Amino acid sequence: MAAIPKRGRHRGPAAASPILELAREHPARLYSTAAAAVALVTQYVTIPEEAILTLVAALLGAGEMTQRVENIKTAEAFELLA
């Protein structure tokens, strides 16, 4: 009987997803694209106000996360120069 791996059913690390790699490398670009898409949708499509507010709240959270990621990248670059 074969032993069950300790990290779940998979035997190796997860394969790198191109979409996840893009999100890790360019979070600010993805955030700005999402913000523009929400603005366009709210302008041209009639959707309930609650849905718009939900999208805006999600964008605020994504903006905060994007800012933190970019701040970490800036701090790491600064440490390389120091």
Protein backbone atom coordinates (compact mmCIF):
# COMPACT_ATOMS: atom_id res chain seq x y z
CA MET A 1 0.00 0.00 0.00
CA ALA A 2 1.41 3.41 -1.03
CA ALA A 3 1.97 6.08 1.58
CA ILE A 4 -0.23 9.16 1.38
CA PRO A 5 1.79 12.36 0.86
CA LYS A 6 1.79 14.76 3.82
CA ARG A 7 0.70 17.80 1.78
CA GLY A 8 -2.59 16.47 0.47
CA ARG A 9 -3.25 14.36 -2.58
CA HIS A 10 -0.84 16.16 -4.91
CA ARG A 11 2.74 15.08 -5.15
CA GLY A 12 4.41 18.29 -6.23
CA PRO A 13 4.05 22.05 -6.20
CA ALA A 14 1.16 23.57 -8.08
CA ALA A 15 1.80 24.50 -11.69
CA ALA A 16 2.29 28.21 -12.26
CA SER A 17 -0.76 29.86 -13.76
CA PRO A 18 -0.06 32.62 -16.30
CA ILE A 19 -2.98 34.64 -14.92
CA LEU A 20 -1.69 34.41 -11.35
CA GLU A 21 1.80 35.38 -12.48
CA LEU A 22 0.35 38.42 -14.28
CA ALA A 23 -1.56 39.39 -11.13
CA ARG A 24 1.59 39.10 -9.00
CA GLU A 25 3.73 41.12 -11.40
CA HIS A 26 1.23 43.86 -12.35
CA PRO A 27 -1.36 44.42 -9.60
CA ALA A 28 -1.72 48.14 -10.30
CA ARG A 29 -2.49 47.53 -13.97
CA LEU A 30 -5.15 44.97 -13.12
CA TYR A 31 -6.67 47.29 -10.53
CA SER A 32 -6.89 50.21 -12.95
CA THR A 33 -8.44 47.97 -15.59
CA ALA A 34 -11.05 46.75 -13.11
CA ALA A 35 -11.85 50.31 -12.01
CA ALA A 36 -12.30 51.41 -15.62
CA ALA A 37 -14.51 48.40 -16.33
CA VAL A 38 -16.75 49.20 -13.35
CA ALA A 39 -17.05 52.81 -14.51
CA LEU A 40 -18.02 51.71 -18.03
CA VAL A 41 -20.52 49.14 -16.81
CA THR A 42 -22.24 51.61 -14.51
CA GLN A 43 -22.45 54.16 -17.33
CA TYR A 44 -23.88 51.93 -20.07
CA VAL A 45 -25.72 49.13 -18.24
CA THR A 46 -28.68 49.61 -15.94
CA ILE A 47 -27.92 47.70 -12.78
CA PRO A 48 -29.22 48.20 -9.22
CA GLU A 49 -27.47 50.77 -7.07
CA GLU A 50 -26.65 48.11 -4.47
CA ALA A 51 -24.65 46.17 -7.05
CA ILE A 52 -22.72 49.30 -8.00
CA LEU A 53 -21.92 50.00 -4.35
CA THR A 54 -20.79 46.42 -3.89
CA LEU A 55 -18.43 46.71 -6.85
CA VAL A 56 -17.06 50.00 -5.54
CA ALA A 57 -16.48 48.46 -2.09
CA ALA A 58 -14.65 45.54 -3.70
CA LEU A 59 -12.53 47.98 -5.68
CA LEU A 60 -11.61 49.86 -2.52
CA GLY A 61 -10.40 46.63 -0.94
CA ALA A 62 -8.49 45.71 -4.08
CA GLY A 63 -6.96 49.19 -4.16
CA GLU A 64 -5.72 48.81 -0.60
CA MET A 65 -4.16 45.45 -1.43
CA THR A 66 -2.57 46.87 -4.57
CA GLN A 67 -1.10 49.74 -2.58
CA ARG A 68 0.41 47.36 -0.04
CA VAL A 69 1.94 45.17 -2.76
CA GLU A 70 3.44 48.17 -4.52
CA ASN A 71 4.78 49.55 -1.21
CA ILE A 72 6.50 46.22 -0.52
CA LYS A 73 8.08 46.24 -3.98
CA THR A 74 9.26 49.83 -3.46
CA ALA A 75 10.75 49.02 -0.04
CA GLU A 76 12.57 45.99 -1.45
CA ALA A 77 13.99 48.10 -4.28
CA PHE A 78 15.11 50.74 -1.79
CA GLU A 79 16.89 48.11 0.31
CA LEU A 80 18.80 46.98 -2.77
CA LEU A 81 20.07 50.52 -3.27
CA ALA A 82 21.04 51.08 0.34
